[in-house]
Amino acid sequence: MKAVIMILAAVTGVAASQTMAADAKLLAQKYNCLSCHAPDKKVVGPSYKDVAAKYKTDKTAEAKLIAKVKAGGNGVWGQVPMPPNPTVPDADLKTLVQWILATK
């Protein structure tokens, strides 16, 4: 019985993770993030994989990246600035950043 519960919990976790990734990808398309970023390769900006690796051990990464996406910035990944995205709702930013940080 215990094994069945653990298997169900694992399957539920995988399904939830896949749903979050699908939702985040739709948000990335909606807000044109994929015009400059890709999950696994540099486009104009860094790949999400590179961002996740850079901030892997930073406990404050989520808050930093939410602020960075909202305000825009430059100089961290090169000279091409990232434009600010002040109209993206905070809940959507959180979903996007969590997805980015989970990219492997």
C-alpha atoms as a PDB file:
ATOM      1  CA  MET A   1       0.000   0.000   0.000  1.00  0.00           C
ATOM      2  CA  LYS A   2       2.794   2.391   0.938  1.00  0.00           C
ATOM      3  CA  ALA A   3       4.551   1.671  -2.369  1.00  0.00           C
ATOM      4  CA  VAL A   4       1.372   2.439  -4.326  1.00  0.00           C
ATOM      5  CA  ILE A   5       1.002   5.783  -2.556  1.00  0.00           C
ATOM      6  CA  MET A   6       4.631   6.672  -3.287  1.00  0.00           C
ATOM      7  CA  ILE A   7       4.212   5.759  -6.965  1.00  0.00           C
ATOM      8  CA  LEU A   8       1.047   7.850  -7.220  1.00  0.00           C
ATOM      9  CA  ALA A   9       2.805  10.784  -5.554  1.00  0.00           C
ATOM     10  CA  ALA A  10       5.697  10.519  -8.017  1.00  0.00           C
ATOM     11  CA  VAL A  11       3.372  10.331 -11.019  1.00  0.00           C
ATOM     12  CA  THR A  12       1.369  13.296  -9.736  1.00  0.00           C
ATOM     13  CA  GLY A  13       4.571  15.284  -9.268  1.00  0.00           C
ATOM     14  CA  VAL A  14       5.724  14.529 -12.806  1.00  0.00           C
ATOM     15  CA  ALA A  15       2.316  15.469 -14.219  1.00  0.00           C
ATOM     16  CA  ALA A  16       2.293  18.741 -12.260  1.00  0.00           C
ATOM     17  CA  SER A  17       5.812  19.530 -13.471  1.00  0.00           C
ATOM     18  CA  GLN A  18       4.838  18.869 -17.081  1.00  0.00           C
ATOM     19  CA  THR A  19       1.753  21.067 -16.696  1.00  0.00           C
ATOM     20  CA  MET A  20       3.845  23.910 -15.241  1.00  0.00           C
ATOM     21  CA  ALA A  21       6.323  23.598 -18.116  1.00  0.00           C
ATOM     22  CA  ALA A  22       3.538  23.672 -20.702  1.00  0.00           C
ATOM     23  CA  ASP A  23       1.924  26.688 -19.026  1.00  0.00           C
ATOM     24  CA  ALA A  24       5.262  28.483 -18.802  1.00  0.00           C
ATOM     25  CA  LYS A  25       6.065  27.812 -22.453  1.00  0.00           C
ATOM     26  CA  LEU A  26       2.703  29.315 -23.437  1.00  0.00           C
ATOM     27  CA  LEU A  27       3.496  32.364 -21.290  1.00  0.00           C
ATOM     28  CA  ALA A  28       6.939  32.654 -22.910  1.00  0.00           C
ATOM     29  CA  GLN A  29       5.231  32.678 -26.295  1.00  0.00           C
ATOM     30  CA  LYS A  30       2.546  35.124 -25.158  1.00  0.00           C
ATOM     31  CA  TYR A  31       5.070  37.650 -23.833  1.00  0.00           C
ATOM     32  CA  ASN A  32       7.527  37.154 -26.746  1.00  0.00           C
ATOM     33  CA  CYS A  33      10.311  35.803 -24.519  1.00  0.00           C
ATOM     34  CA  LEU A  34      11.175  33.247 -27.178  1.00  0.00           C
ATOM     35  CA  SER A  35      12.065  36.015 -29.612  1.00  0.00           C
ATOM     36  CA  CYS A  36      15.315  36.494 -27.704  1.00  0.00           C
ATOM     37  CA  HIS A  37      15.689  33.306 -25.628  1.00  0.00           C
ATOM     38  CA  ALA A  38      15.528  29.559 -26.202  1.00  0.00           C
ATOM     39  CA  PRO A  39      15.591  26.746 -23.665  1.00  0.00           C
ATOM     40  CA  ASP A  40      18.852  25.243 -24.901  1.00  0.00           C
ATOM     41  CA  LYS A  41      20.752  27.761 -27.047  1.00  0.00           C
ATOM     42  CA  LYS A  42      21.746  31.408 -27.071  1.00  0.00           C
ATOM     43  CA  VAL A  43      19.621  33.552 -29.359  1.00  0.00           C
ATOM     44  CA  VAL A  44      19.889  37.280 -28.605  1.00  0.00           C
ATOM     45  CA  GLY A  45      19.912  36.598 -24.884  1.00  0.00           C
ATOM     46  CA  PRO A  46      21.184  33.585 -22.975  1.00  0.00           C
ATOM     47  CA  SER A  47      19.553  30.179 -23.093  1.00  0.00           C
ATOM     48  CA  TYR A  48      17.307  29.253 -20.194  1.00  0.00           C
ATOM     49  CA  LYS A  49      19.682  26.354 -19.521  1.00  0.00           C
ATOM     50  CA  ASP A  50      22.573  28.808 -19.073  1.00  0.00           C
ATOM     51  CA  VAL A  51      20.495  31.057 -16.808  1.00  0.00           C
ATOM     52  CA  ALA A  52      19.503  28.080 -14.644  1.00  0.00           C
ATOM     53  CA  ALA A  53      23.133  26.960 -14.388  1.00  0.00           C
ATOM     54  CA  LYS A  54      24.357  30.443 -13.449  1.00  0.00           C
ATOM     55  CA  TYR A  55      21.821  30.832 -10.638  1.00  0.00           C
ATOM     56  CA  LYS A  56      21.758  27.179  -9.521  1.00  0.00           C
ATOM     57  CA  THR A  57      23.152  27.862  -6.039  1.00  0.00           C
ATOM     58  CA  ASP A  58      21.688  31.342  -5.558  1.00  0.00           C
ATOM     59  CA  LYS A  59      18.836  31.152  -3.029  1.00  0.00           C
ATOM     60  CA  THR A  60      17.654  34.630  -4.068  1.00  0.00           C
ATOM     61  CA  ALA A  61      17.668  33.873  -7.807  1.00  0.00           C
ATOM     62  CA  GLU A  62      13.894  33.739  -8.222  1.00  0.00           C
ATOM     63  CA  ALA A  63      13.341  37.213  -6.760  1.00  0.00           C
ATOM     64  CA  LYS A  64      16.354  38.637  -8.630  1.00  0.00           C
ATOM     65  CA  LEU A  65      15.201  37.294 -11.971  1.00  0.00           C
ATOM     66  CA  ILE A  66      11.598  38.400 -11.490  1.00  0.00           C
ATOM     67  CA  ALA A  67      12.872  41.924 -10.800  1.00  0.00           C
ATOM     68  CA  LYS A  68      15.284  41.735 -13.764  1.00  0.00           C
ATOM     69  CA  VAL A  69      12.592  40.627 -16.212  1.00  0.00           C
ATOM     70  CA  LYS A  70      10.209  43.314 -14.960  1.00  0.00           C
ATOM     71  CA  ALA A  71      12.775  46.163 -15.019  1.00  0.00           C
ATOM     72  CA  GLY A  72      14.981  44.983 -17.876  1.00  0.00           C
ATOM     73  CA  GLY A  73      18.734  45.313 -17.792  1.00  0.00           C
ATOM     74  CA  ASN A  74      22.047  44.699 -19.469  1.00  0.00           C
ATOM     75  CA  GLY A  75      25.656  43.831 -18.840  1.00  0.00           C
ATOM     76  CA  VAL A  76      25.182  40.436 -17.183  1.00  0.00           C
ATOM     77  CA  TRP A  77      25.047  38.430 -20.421  1.00  0.00           C
ATOM     78  CA  GLY A  78      26.514  40.942 -22.859  1.00  0.00           C
ATOM     79  CA  GLN A  79      25.832  44.416 -24.152  1.00  0.00           C
ATOM     80  CA  VAL A  80      22.422  43.819 -25.742  1.00  0.00           C
ATOM     81  CA  PRO A  81      19.882  45.113 -23.219  1.00  0.00           C
ATOM     82  CA  MET A  82      16.806  43.179 -22.223  1.00  0.00           C
ATOM     83  CA  PRO A  83      13.816  45.507 -22.472  1.00  0.00           C
ATOM     84  CA  PRO A  84      11.640  45.991 -19.393  1.00  0.00           C
ATOM     85  CA  ASN A  85       8.408  44.016 -19.119  1.00  0.00           C
ATOM     86  CA  PRO A  86       6.380  46.029 -16.599  1.00  0.00           C
ATOM     87  CA  THR A  87       2.987  44.876 -17.875  1.00  0.00           C
ATOM     88  CA  VAL A  88       3.601  41.158 -17.296  1.00  0.00           C
ATOM     89  CA  PRO A  89       1.632  40.134 -14.189  1.00  0.00           C
ATOM     90  CA  ASP A  90       3.726  39.062 -11.201  1.00  0.00           C
ATOM     91  CA  ALA A  91       2.108  35.608 -11.136  1.00  0.00           C
ATOM     92  CA  ASP A  92       3.132  35.047 -14.767  1.00  0.00           C
ATOM     93  CA  LEU A  93       6.659  36.289 -14.067  1.00  0.00           C
ATOM     94  CA  LYS A  94       6.922  33.860 -11.155  1.00  0.00           C
ATOM     95  CA  THR A  95       5.789  30.942 -13.334  1.00  0.00           C
ATOM     96  CA  LEU A  96       8.235  31.898 -16.097  1.00  0.00           C
ATOM     97  CA  VAL A  97      11.192  32.334 -13.744  1.00  0.00           C
ATOM     98  CA  GLN A  98      10.484  29.061 -11.917  1.00  0.00           C
ATOM     99  CA  TRP A  99      10.389  27.300 -15.285  1.00  0.00           C
ATOM    100  CA  ILE A 100      13.627  28.931 -16.393  1.00  0.00           C
ATOM    101  CA  LEU A 101      15.393  28.009 -13.158  1.00  0.00           C
ATOM    102  CA  ALA A 102      14.201  24.403 -13.512  1.00  0.00           C
ATOM    103  CA  THR A 103      15.622  24.081 -17.040  1.00  0.00           C
ATOM    104  CA  LYS A 104      18.311  21.416 -17.336  1.00  0.00           C
END
